[in-house]
C-alpha cells in the first residue's frame, strides 16, 4: 500500500431541503456536513456510525448519485464534485458503488448475463464477443459458474446476488469501490465467504475500498483505517488498531462499548449512549454530540471542535479527548 491518495475529499457537504405542506423550504437536513479525508491507493477505509449518521449519503455523494451541495471530491487527480453527470461519467467509470441490497439493484426481468453486459454497453465500445469473454472471466473471479448467466436474480441466493453485484462493478475495471453495508442480512458463514472474496479481489485487481458498515467486528477485521461519523461529520479517524485499542472520542468509546463480548473485558465499558441523536434539521450549538456526552461542559456548547490530529494519523474532534 502506497501513501499516494487516490481519492481526496475536502469540505464535502450534502444538504437536503426540508419543505412544508405548501412545498416551501423551511430548513435544511445536513446529511453530510463538512467531511474531509484522503484514501490511499490500495487502502481499505472503514466508515462507521449509527444509522442516520450520513454514511450511505456520503458514499452516494462521492459517487455522484447524490450531487454535492459544496466541497471537493478529487478522484485520480480530477475534481468530480461539481461536474454534471455527463461530464463526470468518464471519470467515475473507475469509481463504483456496491449497493446495500444487491437484489434491488438488479433488474428482475433481466438475466444475470444481461445485467453484466449492461455496464460494458454503456461505457465501452467492445464488440459482443469481447464483452461475453470479459463477463465470463469476471463471473469466474467472483466464484460463480457460467451456468448462472442464464438465471434471473430471484433464482439465486442473497450471497450469490452480492457476487453478481461485485461482478457487475468489476467488468469496468474500477480503481475504487464503495461498499455499502456489504455483509448486512447474510448468515455468519456467508459473511466470512464474502469478506474473503473482497480481500481476494482487492489483491487480484488492485482495488481500493471504502467500507461502509455498522458492524464494528467486521470493520476491525478488514479495514486499515476507520473514520467514525456522527450527524454528518467525522468525529474520529485513525489506524484501525489504534481506534479500537485507545478510542479518544466519547462517541467512539460508546460504539465500542456496545460490541457484544463473551468473556474478558471490553475495550471500554464506561460509556453508554443514552437517548436519540438530535435531528439533523435542528442541530445543537457547538459540539453536536454534547447532548449525549458525559464529558460535556460549557465550552462544548460554545465551540464546535475541529478534527485535529496528534501527529500519528489519529485525529479526533473533541474538546476533551482521551480514555
C-alpha atoms as a PDB file:
ATOM      1  CA  UNK A   1       0.000   0.000   0.000  1.00  0.00           C
ATOM      2  CA  UNK A   2       1.475   3.362  -1.028  1.00  0.00           C
ATOM      3  CA  UNK A   3       0.922   6.799   0.508  1.00  0.00           C
ATOM      4  CA  UNK A   4      -0.463   8.218  -2.739  1.00  0.00           C
ATOM      5  CA  UNK A   5      -4.078   9.401  -2.264  1.00  0.00           C
ATOM      6  CA  UNK A   6      -6.352   8.099  -4.973  1.00  0.00           C
ATOM      7  CA  UNK A   7      -9.408   9.888  -3.517  1.00  0.00           C
ATOM      8  CA  UNK A   8      -9.331  13.217  -1.634  1.00  0.00           C
ATOM      9  CA  UNK A   9     -12.441  14.724  -0.054  1.00  0.00           C
ATOM     10  CA  UNK A  10     -12.320  18.330   1.154  1.00  0.00           C
ATOM     11  CA  UNK A  11     -15.167  20.098   2.960  1.00  0.00           C
ATOM     12  CA  UNK A  12     -17.889  17.978   1.402  1.00  0.00           C
ATOM     13  CA  UNK A  13     -21.486  18.976   2.170  1.00  0.00           C
ATOM     14  CA  UNK A  14     -24.770  17.390   1.152  1.00  0.00           C
ATOM     15  CA  UNK A  15     -27.873  19.213   2.401  1.00  0.00           C
ATOM     16  CA  UNK A  16     -31.450  18.272   1.577  1.00  0.00           C
ATOM     17  CA  UNK A  17     -34.227  20.919   1.653  1.00  0.00           C
ATOM     18  CA  UNK A  18     -36.980  20.433   4.240  1.00  0.00           C
ATOM     19  CA  UNK A  19     -40.343  21.618   2.915  1.00  0.00           C
ATOM     20  CA  UNK A  20     -43.727  22.188   4.491  1.00  0.00           C
ATOM     21  CA  UNK A  21     -47.073  21.053   3.103  1.00  0.00           C
ATOM     22  CA  UNK A  22     -47.079  24.049   0.734  1.00  0.00           C
ATOM     23  CA  UNK A  23     -43.715  22.891  -0.729  1.00  0.00           C
ATOM     24  CA  UNK A  24     -41.904  25.893   0.724  1.00  0.00           C
ATOM     25  CA  UNK A  25     -38.436  25.303   2.093  1.00  0.00           C
ATOM     26  CA  UNK A  26     -38.393  25.729   5.873  1.00  0.00           C
ATOM     27  CA  UNK A  27     -34.927  24.376   6.617  1.00  0.00           C
ATOM     28  CA  UNK A  28     -32.094  22.080   5.639  1.00  0.00           C
ATOM     29  CA  UNK A  29     -31.288  18.494   6.555  1.00  0.00           C
ATOM     30  CA  UNK A  30     -27.491  18.375   6.890  1.00  0.00           C
ATOM     31  CA  UNK A  31     -26.812  14.756   5.972  1.00  0.00           C
ATOM     32  CA  UNK A  32     -23.122  15.341   5.205  1.00  0.00           C
ATOM     33  CA  UNK A  33     -21.755  18.498   6.800  1.00  0.00           C
ATOM     34  CA  UNK A  34     -18.108  19.293   6.140  1.00  0.00           C
ATOM     35  CA  UNK A  35     -16.346  15.945   5.662  1.00  0.00           C
ATOM     36  CA  UNK A  36     -12.647  15.805   4.706  1.00  0.00           C
ATOM     37  CA  UNK A  37     -10.352  12.791   4.335  1.00  0.00           C
ATOM     38  CA  UNK A  38      -7.921  11.100   1.955  1.00  0.00           C
ATOM     39  CA  UNK A  39      -7.939   7.494   0.773  1.00  0.00           C
ATOM     40  CA  UNK A  40      -4.626   5.971  -0.255  1.00  0.00           C
ATOM     41  CA  UNK A  41      -4.300   3.698  -3.244  1.00  0.00           C
ATOM     42  CA  UNK A  42      -4.749   0.062  -2.158  1.00  0.00           C
ATOM     43  CA  UNK A  43      -6.262   1.002   1.213  1.00  0.00           C
ATOM     44  CA  UNK A  44      -9.467  -0.192   2.884  1.00  0.00           C
ATOM     45  CA  UNK A  45     -11.041   2.721   4.785  1.00  0.00           C
ATOM     46  CA  UNK A  46     -13.956   1.859   7.057  1.00  0.00           C
ATOM     47  CA  UNK A  47     -16.826   4.355   7.590  1.00  0.00           C
ATOM     48  CA  UNK A  48     -18.795   3.560  10.752  1.00  0.00           C
ATOM     49  CA  UNK A  49     -21.515   5.128  12.879  1.00  0.00           C
ATOM     50  CA  UNK A  50     -25.137   4.812  13.956  1.00  0.00           C
ATOM     51  CA  UNK A  51     -27.978   4.563  11.472  1.00  0.00           C
ATOM     52  CA  UNK A  52     -28.735   8.038  10.147  1.00  0.00           C
ATOM     53  CA  UNK A  53     -25.226   9.419  10.701  1.00  0.00           C
ATOM     54  CA  UNK A  54     -24.710  10.024   6.964  1.00  0.00           C
ATOM     55  CA  UNK A  55     -22.553   7.034   5.966  1.00  0.00           C
ATOM     56  CA  UNK A  56     -24.566   5.960   2.933  1.00  0.00           C
ATOM     57  CA  UNK A  57     -25.262   9.552   1.857  1.00  0.00           C
ATOM     58  CA  UNK A  58     -21.509  10.191   1.953  1.00  0.00           C
ATOM     59  CA  UNK A  59     -20.895   7.197  -0.314  1.00  0.00           C
ATOM     60  CA  UNK A  60     -23.628   8.205  -2.767  1.00  0.00           C
ATOM     61  CA  UNK A  61     -22.380  11.801  -2.846  1.00  0.00           C
ATOM     62  CA  UNK A  62     -18.831  10.636  -3.607  1.00  0.00           C
ATOM     63  CA  UNK A  63     -20.219   8.507  -6.415  1.00  0.00           C
ATOM     64  CA  UNK A  64     -22.393  11.327  -7.778  1.00  0.00           C
ATOM     65  CA  UNK A  65     -25.674   9.508  -7.168  1.00  0.00           C
ATOM     66  CA  UNK A  66     -26.483  12.485  -4.926  1.00  0.00           C
ATOM     67  CA  UNK A  67     -25.000  15.792  -6.204  1.00  0.00           C
ATOM     68  CA  UNK A  68     -22.818  17.555  -3.627  1.00  0.00           C
ATOM     69  CA  UNK A  69     -24.062  20.835  -2.152  1.00  0.00           C
ATOM     70  CA  UNK A  70     -20.475  22.076  -1.859  1.00  0.00           C
ATOM     71  CA  UNK A  71     -16.933  20.813  -1.380  1.00  0.00           C
ATOM     72  CA  UNK A  72     -14.394  18.960  -3.487  1.00  0.00           C
ATOM     73  CA  UNK A  73     -14.049  15.298  -4.441  1.00  0.00           C
ATOM     74  CA  UNK A  74     -10.743  14.735  -6.224  1.00  0.00           C
ATOM     75  CA  UNK A  75     -10.565  11.286  -7.802  1.00  0.00           C
ATOM     76  CA  UNK A  76      -7.351  10.305  -9.594  1.00  0.00           C
ATOM     77  CA  UNK A  77      -6.436  13.995  -9.940  1.00  0.00           C
ATOM     78  CA  UNK A  78      -9.842  15.172 -11.229  1.00  0.00           C
ATOM     79  CA  UNK A  79     -12.373  17.180  -9.214  1.00  0.00           C
ATOM     80  CA  UNK A  80     -15.636  15.368  -9.951  1.00  0.00           C
ATOM     81  CA  UNK A  81     -17.911  17.033  -7.368  1.00  0.00           C
ATOM     82  CA  UNK A  82     -19.036  19.986  -9.469  1.00  0.00           C
ATOM     83  CA  UNK A  83     -19.407  18.227 -12.798  1.00  0.00           C
ATOM     84  CA  UNK A  84     -22.659  17.286 -14.494  1.00  0.00           C
ATOM     85  CA  UNK A  85     -23.414  13.547 -14.702  1.00  0.00           C
ATOM     86  CA  UNK A  86     -22.425  13.530 -18.391  1.00  0.00           C
ATOM     87  CA  UNK A  87     -19.121  15.302 -17.679  1.00  0.00           C
ATOM     88  CA  UNK A  88     -18.268  13.111 -14.698  1.00  0.00           C
ATOM     89  CA  UNK A  89     -19.114   9.804 -16.386  1.00  0.00           C
ATOM     90  CA  UNK A  90     -15.676   9.272 -17.921  1.00  0.00           C
ATOM     91  CA  UNK A  91     -14.002   9.909 -14.546  1.00  0.00           C
ATOM     92  CA  UNK A  92     -16.460   7.987 -12.369  1.00  0.00           C
ATOM     93  CA  UNK A  93     -16.247   4.928 -14.608  1.00  0.00           C
ATOM     94  CA  UNK A  94     -13.433   3.795 -12.320  1.00  0.00           C
ATOM     95  CA  UNK A  95     -15.259   4.809  -9.118  1.00  0.00           C
ATOM     96  CA  UNK A  96     -18.025   2.289  -8.473  1.00  0.00           C
ATOM     97  CA  UNK A  97     -20.729   1.819  -5.823  1.00  0.00           C
ATOM     98  CA  UNK A  98     -21.912  -1.522  -4.440  1.00  0.00           C
ATOM     99  CA  UNK A  99     -25.445  -1.179  -3.082  1.00  0.00           C
ATOM    100  CA  UNK A 100     -26.555  -2.424   0.319  1.00  0.00           C
ATOM    101  CA  UNK A 101     -29.282  -4.538  -1.302  1.00  0.00           C
ATOM    102  CA  UNK A 102     -27.785  -6.046  -4.465  1.00  0.00           C
ATOM    103  CA  UNK A 103     -31.046  -7.772  -5.333  1.00  0.00           C
ATOM    104  CA  UNK A 104     -32.799  -4.408  -5.601  1.00  0.00           C
ATOM    105  CA  UNK A 105     -30.075  -3.088  -7.919  1.00  0.00           C
ATOM    106  CA  UNK A 106     -30.556  -5.951 -10.393  1.00  0.00           C
ATOM    107  CA  UNK A 107     -33.430  -5.755 -12.857  1.00  0.00           C
ATOM    108  CA  UNK A 108     -35.712  -8.724 -12.070  1.00  0.00           C
ATOM    109  CA  UNK A 109     -36.647  -9.009 -15.779  1.00  0.00           C
ATOM    110  CA  UNK A 110     -33.039  -9.398 -16.923  1.00  0.00           C
ATOM    111  CA  UNK A 111     -30.881 -12.466 -16.755  1.00  0.00           C
ATOM    112  CA  UNK A 112     -27.524 -12.248 -14.986  1.00  0.00           C
ATOM    113  CA  UNK A 113     -25.883 -12.149 -18.431  1.00  0.00           C
ATOM    114  CA  UNK A 114     -27.869  -9.052 -19.446  1.00  0.00           C
ATOM    115  CA  UNK A 115     -27.100  -7.311 -16.149  1.00  0.00           C
ATOM    116  CA  UNK A 116     -23.367  -7.941 -16.549  1.00  0.00           C
ATOM    117  CA  UNK A 117     -23.329  -6.821 -20.186  1.00  0.00           C
ATOM    118  CA  UNK A 118     -25.151  -3.532 -19.472  1.00  0.00           C
ATOM    119  CA  UNK A 119     -22.236  -1.502 -17.963  1.00  0.00           C
ATOM    120  CA  UNK A 120     -19.987  -2.600 -20.827  1.00  0.00           C
ATOM    121  CA  UNK A 121     -22.579  -1.491 -23.387  1.00  0.00           C
ATOM    122  CA  UNK A 122     -22.966   1.902 -21.681  1.00  0.00           C
ATOM    123  CA  UNK A 123     -19.305   2.676 -21.007  1.00  0.00           C
ATOM    124  CA  UNK A 124     -17.326   0.819 -23.699  1.00  0.00           C
ATOM    125  CA  UNK A 125     -17.328   0.083 -27.414  1.00  0.00           C
ATOM    126  CA  UNK A 126     -16.403  -3.578 -27.032  1.00  0.00           C
ATOM    127  CA  UNK A 127     -17.986  -5.962 -29.555  1.00  0.00           C
ATOM    128  CA  UNK A 128     -20.375  -8.605 -28.274  1.00  0.00           C
ATOM    129  CA  UNK A 129     -17.820 -11.435 -28.307  1.00  0.00           C
ATOM    130  CA  UNK A 130     -15.294  -9.467 -26.236  1.00  0.00           C
ATOM    131  CA  UNK A 131     -17.994  -8.383 -23.792  1.00  0.00           C
ATOM    132  CA  UNK A 132     -19.038 -12.006 -23.331  1.00  0.00           C
ATOM    133  CA  UNK A 133     -15.448 -13.049 -22.716  1.00  0.00           C
ATOM    134  CA  UNK A 134     -14.952 -10.379 -20.062  1.00  0.00           C
ATOM    135  CA  UNK A 135     -18.269 -11.231 -18.400  1.00  0.00           C
ATOM    136  CA  UNK A 136     -17.324 -14.905 -18.140  1.00  0.00           C
ATOM    137  CA  UNK A 137     -13.873 -14.031 -16.739  1.00  0.00           C
ATOM    138  CA  UNK A 138     -15.328 -11.749 -14.069  1.00  0.00           C
ATOM    139  CA  UNK A 139     -18.045 -14.237 -13.139  1.00  0.00           C
ATOM    140  CA  UNK A 140     -15.342 -16.863 -12.591  1.00  0.00           C
ATOM    141  CA  UNK A 141     -13.316 -14.379 -10.500  1.00  0.00           C
ATOM    142  CA  UNK A 142     -16.219 -13.913  -8.059  1.00  0.00           C
ATOM    143  CA  UNK A 143     -16.703 -17.658  -7.733  1.00  0.00           C
ATOM    144  CA  UNK A 144     -19.871 -18.256  -9.744  1.00  0.00           C
ATOM    145  CA  UNK A 145     -20.332 -20.859 -12.502  1.00  0.00           C
ATOM    146  CA  UNK A 146     -21.147 -19.830 -16.064  1.00  0.00           C
ATOM    147  CA  UNK A 147     -24.486 -21.617 -15.793  1.00  0.00           C
ATOM    148  CA  UNK A 148     -25.685 -18.701 -13.620  1.00  0.00           C
ATOM    149  CA  UNK A 149     -25.577 -16.372 -16.623  1.00  0.00           C
ATOM    150  CA  UNK A 150     -28.984 -17.559 -17.794  1.00  0.00           C
ATOM    151  CA  UNK A 151     -30.636 -17.293 -14.362  1.00  0.00           C
ATOM    152  CA  UNK A 152     -32.709 -14.395 -13.030  1.00  0.00           C
ATOM    153  CA  UNK A 153     -31.951 -12.564  -9.739  1.00  0.00           C
ATOM    154  CA  UNK A 154     -34.790 -14.273  -7.853  1.00  0.00           C
ATOM    155  CA  UNK A 155     -33.334 -17.681  -8.729  1.00  0.00           C
ATOM    156  CA  UNK A 156     -30.107 -17.173  -6.774  1.00  0.00           C
ATOM    157  CA  UNK A 157     -29.357 -16.658  -3.065  1.00  0.00           C
ATOM    158  CA  UNK A 158     -28.540 -13.401  -1.301  1.00  0.00           C
ATOM    159  CA  UNK A 159     -24.846 -14.264  -1.134  1.00  0.00           C
ATOM    160  CA  UNK A 160     -24.816 -15.052  -4.855  1.00  0.00           C
ATOM    161  CA  UNK A 161     -26.586 -11.750  -5.575  1.00  0.00           C
ATOM    162  CA  UNK A 162     -23.732  -9.982  -3.761  1.00  0.00           C
ATOM    163  CA  UNK A 163     -21.268 -11.780  -6.021  1.00  0.00           C
ATOM    164  CA  UNK A 164     -23.233 -10.749  -9.113  1.00  0.00           C
ATOM    165  CA  UNK A 165     -23.270  -7.152  -7.874  1.00  0.00           C
ATOM    166  CA  UNK A 166     -19.491  -7.268  -7.467  1.00  0.00           C
ATOM    167  CA  UNK A 167     -19.062  -8.855 -10.892  1.00  0.00           C
ATOM    168  CA  UNK A 168     -21.181  -6.104 -12.453  1.00  0.00           C
ATOM    169  CA  UNK A 169     -18.881  -3.493 -10.932  1.00  0.00           C
ATOM    170  CA  UNK A 170     -15.643  -5.276 -11.802  1.00  0.00           C
ATOM    171  CA  UNK A 171     -16.476  -5.508 -15.508  1.00  0.00           C
ATOM    172  CA  UNK A 172     -15.446  -1.830 -15.792  1.00  0.00           C
ATOM    173  CA  UNK A 173     -12.104  -2.444 -14.018  1.00  0.00           C
ATOM    174  CA  UNK A 174     -12.597   0.190 -11.291  1.00  0.00           C
ATOM    175  CA  UNK A 175      -9.908   1.693  -9.072  1.00  0.00           C
ATOM    176  CA  UNK A 176     -12.129   2.480  -6.056  1.00  0.00           C
ATOM    177  CA  UNK A 177     -15.202   0.549  -4.915  1.00  0.00           C
ATOM    178  CA  UNK A 178     -17.607   1.961  -2.318  1.00  0.00           C
ATOM    179  CA  UNK A 179     -19.124  -0.969  -0.413  1.00  0.00           C
ATOM    180  CA  UNK A 180     -22.364  -0.010   1.373  1.00  0.00           C
ATOM    181  CA  UNK A 181     -23.131  -2.472   4.196  1.00  0.00           C
ATOM    182  CA  UNK A 182     -21.812  -5.370   2.092  1.00  0.00           C
ATOM    183  CA  UNK A 183     -22.410  -8.071   4.729  1.00  0.00           C
ATOM    184  CA  UNK A 184     -25.781  -6.972   6.125  1.00  0.00           C
ATOM    185  CA  UNK A 185     -28.525  -9.584   6.085  1.00  0.00           C
ATOM    186  CA  UNK A 186     -26.153 -12.504   5.481  1.00  0.00           C
ATOM    187  CA  UNK A 187     -25.544 -15.560   7.632  1.00  0.00           C
ATOM    188  CA  UNK A 188     -22.246 -15.521   9.528  1.00  0.00           C
ATOM    189  CA  UNK A 189     -20.762 -18.269   7.359  1.00  0.00           C
ATOM    190  CA  UNK A 190     -21.779 -16.435   4.176  1.00  0.00           C
ATOM    191  CA  UNK A 191     -20.361 -13.196   5.594  1.00  0.00           C
ATOM    192  CA  UNK A 192     -16.978 -14.861   6.058  1.00  0.00           C
ATOM    193  CA  UNK A 193     -17.042 -16.132   2.466  1.00  0.00           C
ATOM    194  CA  UNK A 194     -17.960 -12.687   1.090  1.00  0.00           C
ATOM    195  CA  UNK A 195     -15.271 -10.947   3.169  1.00  0.00           C
ATOM    196  CA  UNK A 196     -12.625 -13.375   1.937  1.00  0.00           C
ATOM    197  CA  UNK A 197     -13.839 -12.709  -1.598  1.00  0.00           C
ATOM    198  CA  UNK A 198     -13.447  -8.933  -1.073  1.00  0.00           C
ATOM    199  CA  UNK A 199      -9.856  -9.401   0.060  1.00  0.00           C
ATOM    200  CA  UNK A 200      -9.046 -11.808  -2.774  1.00  0.00           C
ATOM    201  CA  UNK A 201     -10.490  -9.412  -5.360  1.00  0.00           C
ATOM    202  CA  UNK A 202      -8.601  -6.493  -3.853  1.00  0.00           C
ATOM    203  CA  UNK A 203      -5.312  -8.318  -4.314  1.00  0.00           C
ATOM    204  CA  UNK A 204      -6.211  -9.635  -7.775  1.00  0.00           C
ATOM    205  CA  UNK A 205      -7.492  -6.340  -9.222  1.00  0.00           C
ATOM    206  CA  UNK A 206      -5.551  -3.783  -7.133  1.00  0.00           C
ATOM    207  CA  UNK A 207      -8.741  -2.293  -5.669  1.00  0.00           C
ATOM    208  CA  UNK A 208      -9.210   0.434  -3.079  1.00  0.00           C
ATOM    209  CA  UNK A 209     -12.277   0.090  -0.833  1.00  0.00           C
ATOM    210  CA  UNK A 210     -14.474   2.466   1.144  1.00  0.00           C
ATOM    211  CA  UNK A 211     -16.157   0.024   3.514  1.00  0.00           C
ATOM    212  CA  UNK A 212     -19.390   1.479   4.940  1.00  0.00           C
ATOM    213  CA  UNK A 213     -20.685  -0.644   7.803  1.00  0.00           C
ATOM    214  CA  UNK A 214     -22.261  -0.634  11.253  1.00  0.00           C
ATOM    215  CA  UNK A 215     -20.622  -3.976  12.105  1.00  0.00           C
ATOM    216  CA  UNK A 216     -17.519  -2.963  14.046  1.00  0.00           C
ATOM    217  CA  UNK A 217     -16.224  -6.523  14.291  1.00  0.00           C
ATOM    218  CA  UNK A 218     -16.135  -6.818  10.501  1.00  0.00           C
ATOM    219  CA  UNK A 219     -14.542  -3.373  10.161  1.00  0.00           C
ATOM    220  CA  UNK A 220     -11.787  -4.322  12.597  1.00  0.00           C
ATOM    221  CA  UNK A 221     -11.110  -7.475  10.621  1.00  0.00           C
ATOM    222  CA  UNK A 222     -10.731  -5.988   7.130  1.00  0.00           C
ATOM    223  CA  UNK A 223     -10.005  -2.226   7.337  1.00  0.00           C
ATOM    224  CA  UNK A 224      -6.637  -0.468   7.517  1.00  0.00           C
ATOM    225  CA  UNK A 225      -8.146   2.767   8.857  1.00  0.00           C
ATOM    226  CA  UNK A 226     -11.504   3.752  10.349  1.00  0.00           C
ATOM    227  CA  UNK A 227     -13.480   7.001  10.170  1.00  0.00           C
ATOM    228  CA  UNK A 228     -16.261   7.411  12.769  1.00  0.00           C
ATOM    229  CA  UNK A 229     -19.219   9.564  11.697  1.00  0.00           C
ATOM    230  CA  UNK A 230     -21.812  11.313  13.835  1.00  0.00           C
ATOM    231  CA  UNK A 231     -24.579  13.525  12.424  1.00  0.00           C
ATOM    232  CA  UNK A 232     -22.862  14.152   9.119  1.00  0.00           C
ATOM    233  CA  UNK A 233     -19.319  14.703  10.381  1.00  0.00           C
ATOM    234  CA  UNK A 234     -16.225  12.640  11.057  1.00  0.00           C
ATOM    235  CA  UNK A 235     -15.507  12.803  14.800  1.00  0.00           C
ATOM    236  CA  UNK A 236     -12.514  10.432  14.837  1.00  0.00           C
ATOM    237  CA  UNK A 237     -10.255   8.866  12.222  1.00  0.00           C
ATOM    238  CA  UNK A 238      -7.135   6.761  12.503  1.00  0.00           C
ATOM    239  CA  UNK A 239      -5.478   3.384  12.150  1.00  0.00           C
ATOM    240  CA  UNK A 240      -7.918   0.586  12.946  1.00  0.00           C
ATOM    241  CA  UNK A 241      -5.954  -0.944  15.820  1.00  0.00           C
ATOM    242  CA  UNK A 242      -5.305   2.493  17.342  1.00  0.00           C
ATOM    243  CA  UNK A 243      -9.029   3.319  17.250  1.00  0.00           C
ATOM    244  CA  UNK A 244     -10.041   0.003  18.803  1.00  0.00           C
ATOM    245  CA  UNK A 245      -7.220  -0.067  21.380  1.00  0.00           C
ATOM    246  CA  UNK A 246      -7.433   3.555  22.539  1.00  0.00           C
ATOM    247  CA  UNK A 247     -10.519   5.436  21.267  1.00  0.00           C
ATOM    248  CA  UNK A 248     -10.315   9.147  22.060  1.00  0.00           C
ATOM    249  CA  UNK A 249     -13.811  10.449  21.276  1.00  0.00           C
ATOM    250  CA  UNK A 250     -16.615   9.594  23.728  1.00  0.00           C
ATOM    251  CA  UNK A 251     -18.876   8.651  20.812  1.00  0.00           C
ATOM    252  CA  UNK A 252     -16.327   6.141  19.519  1.00  0.00           C
ATOM    253  CA  UNK A 253     -15.987   4.767  23.051  1.00  0.00           C
ATOM    254  CA  UNK A 254     -19.755   4.358  23.248  1.00  0.00           C
ATOM    255  CA  UNK A 255     -19.857   2.441  19.961  1.00  0.00           C
ATOM    256  CA  UNK A 256     -17.087   0.089  21.092  1.00  0.00           C
ATOM    257  CA  UNK A 257     -18.765  -0.419  24.475  1.00  0.00           C
ATOM    258  CA  UNK A 258     -21.850  -1.688  22.621  1.00  0.00           C
ATOM    259  CA  UNK A 259     -19.970  -4.547  20.927  1.00  0.00           C
ATOM    260  CA  UNK A 260     -21.146  -7.870  22.449  1.00  0.00           C
ATOM    261  CA  UNK A 261     -18.251  -9.707  24.093  1.00  0.00           C
ATOM    262  CA  UNK A 262     -18.314 -13.179  25.647  1.00  0.00           C
ATOM    263  CA  UNK A 263     -15.707 -13.429  28.421  1.00  0.00           C
ATOM    264  CA  UNK A 264     -12.906 -10.963  29.075  1.00  0.00           C
ATOM    265  CA  UNK A 265     -13.137  -7.201  29.291  1.00  0.00           C
ATOM    266  CA  UNK A 266     -14.442  -4.752  26.722  1.00  0.00           C
ATOM    267  CA  UNK A 267     -12.288  -2.040  25.198  1.00  0.00           C
ATOM    268  CA  UNK A 268     -14.313   0.362  27.309  1.00  0.00           C
ATOM    269  CA  UNK A 269     -17.498  -0.119  29.302  1.00  0.00           C
ATOM    270  CA  UNK A 270     -17.685   3.293  30.937  1.00  0.00           C
ATOM    271  CA  UNK A 271     -19.626   4.990  28.149  1.00  0.00           C
ATOM    272  CA  UNK A 272     -23.143   4.109  27.094  1.00  0.00           C
ATOM    273  CA  UNK A 273     -25.175   6.042  24.562  1.00  0.00           C
ATOM    274  CA  UNK A 274     -28.360   7.460  26.021  1.00  0.00           C
ATOM    275  CA  UNK A 275     -31.263   8.966  24.169  1.00  0.00           C
ATOM    276  CA  UNK A 276     -31.609   9.629  20.473  1.00  0.00           C
ATOM    277  CA  UNK A 277     -29.306  11.786  18.347  1.00  0.00           C
ATOM    278  CA  UNK A 278     -30.577  15.314  17.642  1.00  0.00           C
ATOM    279  CA  UNK A 279     -32.416  15.951  14.406  1.00  0.00           C
ATOM    280  CA  UNK A 280     -30.051  16.869  11.555  1.00  0.00           C
ATOM    281  CA  UNK A 281     -32.548  19.635  10.721  1.00  0.00           C
ATOM    282  CA  UNK A 282     -32.070  21.254  14.153  1.00  0.00           C
ATOM    283  CA  UNK A 283     -28.514  20.661  15.339  1.00  0.00           C
ATOM    284  CA  UNK A 284     -27.383  21.824  18.799  1.00  0.00           C
ATOM    285  CA  UNK A 285     -24.896  24.655  19.121  1.00  0.00           C
ATOM    286  CA  UNK A 286     -21.220  23.839  19.432  1.00  0.00           C
ATOM    287  CA  UNK A 287     -20.403  20.140  19.530  1.00  0.00           C
ATOM    288  CA  UNK A 288     -23.285  18.169  18.063  1.00  0.00           C
ATOM    289  CA  UNK A 289     -22.582  15.219  20.395  1.00  0.00           C
ATOM    290  CA  UNK A 290     -22.743  17.257  23.604  1.00  0.00           C
ATOM    291  CA  UNK A 291     -26.424  16.461  24.302  1.00  0.00           C
ATOM    292  CA  UNK A 292     -25.451  12.787  24.806  1.00  0.00           C
ATOM    293  CA  UNK A 293     -21.895  13.193  26.091  1.00  0.00           C
ATOM    294  CA  UNK A 294     -20.961  12.554  29.760  1.00  0.00           C
ATOM    295  CA  UNK A 295     -17.999  14.947  29.427  1.00  0.00           C
ATOM    296  CA  UNK A 296     -19.965  17.910  28.081  1.00  0.00           C
ATOM    297  CA  UNK A 297     -19.012  21.293  29.554  1.00  0.00           C
ATOM    298  CA  UNK A 298     -19.759  24.923  28.814  1.00  0.00           C
ATOM    299  CA  UNK A 299     -17.100  25.096  26.110  1.00  0.00           C
ATOM    300  CA  UNK A 300     -18.840  22.301  24.197  1.00  0.00           C
ATOM    301  CA  UNK A 301     -21.972  24.424  23.761  1.00  0.00           C
ATOM    302  CA  UNK A 302     -19.964  27.429  22.568  1.00  0.00           C
ATOM    303  CA  UNK A 303     -17.417  25.979  20.139  1.00  0.00           C
ATOM    304  CA  UNK A 304     -17.666  23.250  17.531  1.00  0.00           C
ATOM    305  CA  UNK A 305     -14.446  21.209  17.906  1.00  0.00           C
ATOM    306  CA  UNK A 306     -12.253  20.818  14.828  1.00  0.00           C
ATOM    307  CA  UNK A 307     -10.873  17.460  13.703  1.00  0.00           C
ATOM    308  CA  UNK A 308      -7.282  17.676  14.972  1.00  0.00           C
ATOM    309  CA  UNK A 309      -4.514  15.074  14.814  1.00  0.00           C
ATOM    310  CA  UNK A 310      -1.728  14.109  17.192  1.00  0.00           C
ATOM    311  CA  UNK A 311       0.924  13.619  14.527  1.00  0.00           C
ATOM    312  CA  UNK A 312       0.343   9.863  14.305  1.00  0.00           C
ATOM    313  CA  UNK A 313      -2.511   9.895  11.752  1.00  0.00           C
ATOM    314  CA  UNK A 314      -5.052   9.778  14.558  1.00  0.00           C
ATOM    315  CA  UNK A 315      -7.410  12.770  14.580  1.00  0.00           C
ATOM    316  CA  UNK A 316     -10.343  13.484  16.885  1.00  0.00           C
ATOM    317  CA  UNK A 317     -12.963  16.260  17.054  1.00  0.00           C
ATOM    318  CA  UNK A 318     -13.390  16.737  20.801  1.00  0.00           C
ATOM    319  CA  UNK A 319     -12.510  19.455  23.330  1.00  0.00           C
ATOM    320  CA  UNK A 320     -11.753  16.818  25.971  1.00  0.00           C
ATOM    321  CA  UNK A 321     -10.380  13.747  24.173  1.00  0.00           C
ATOM    322  CA  UNK A 322      -8.963  10.756  25.979  1.00  0.00           C
ATOM    323  CA  UNK A 323      -9.849   7.450  27.574  1.00  0.00           C
END
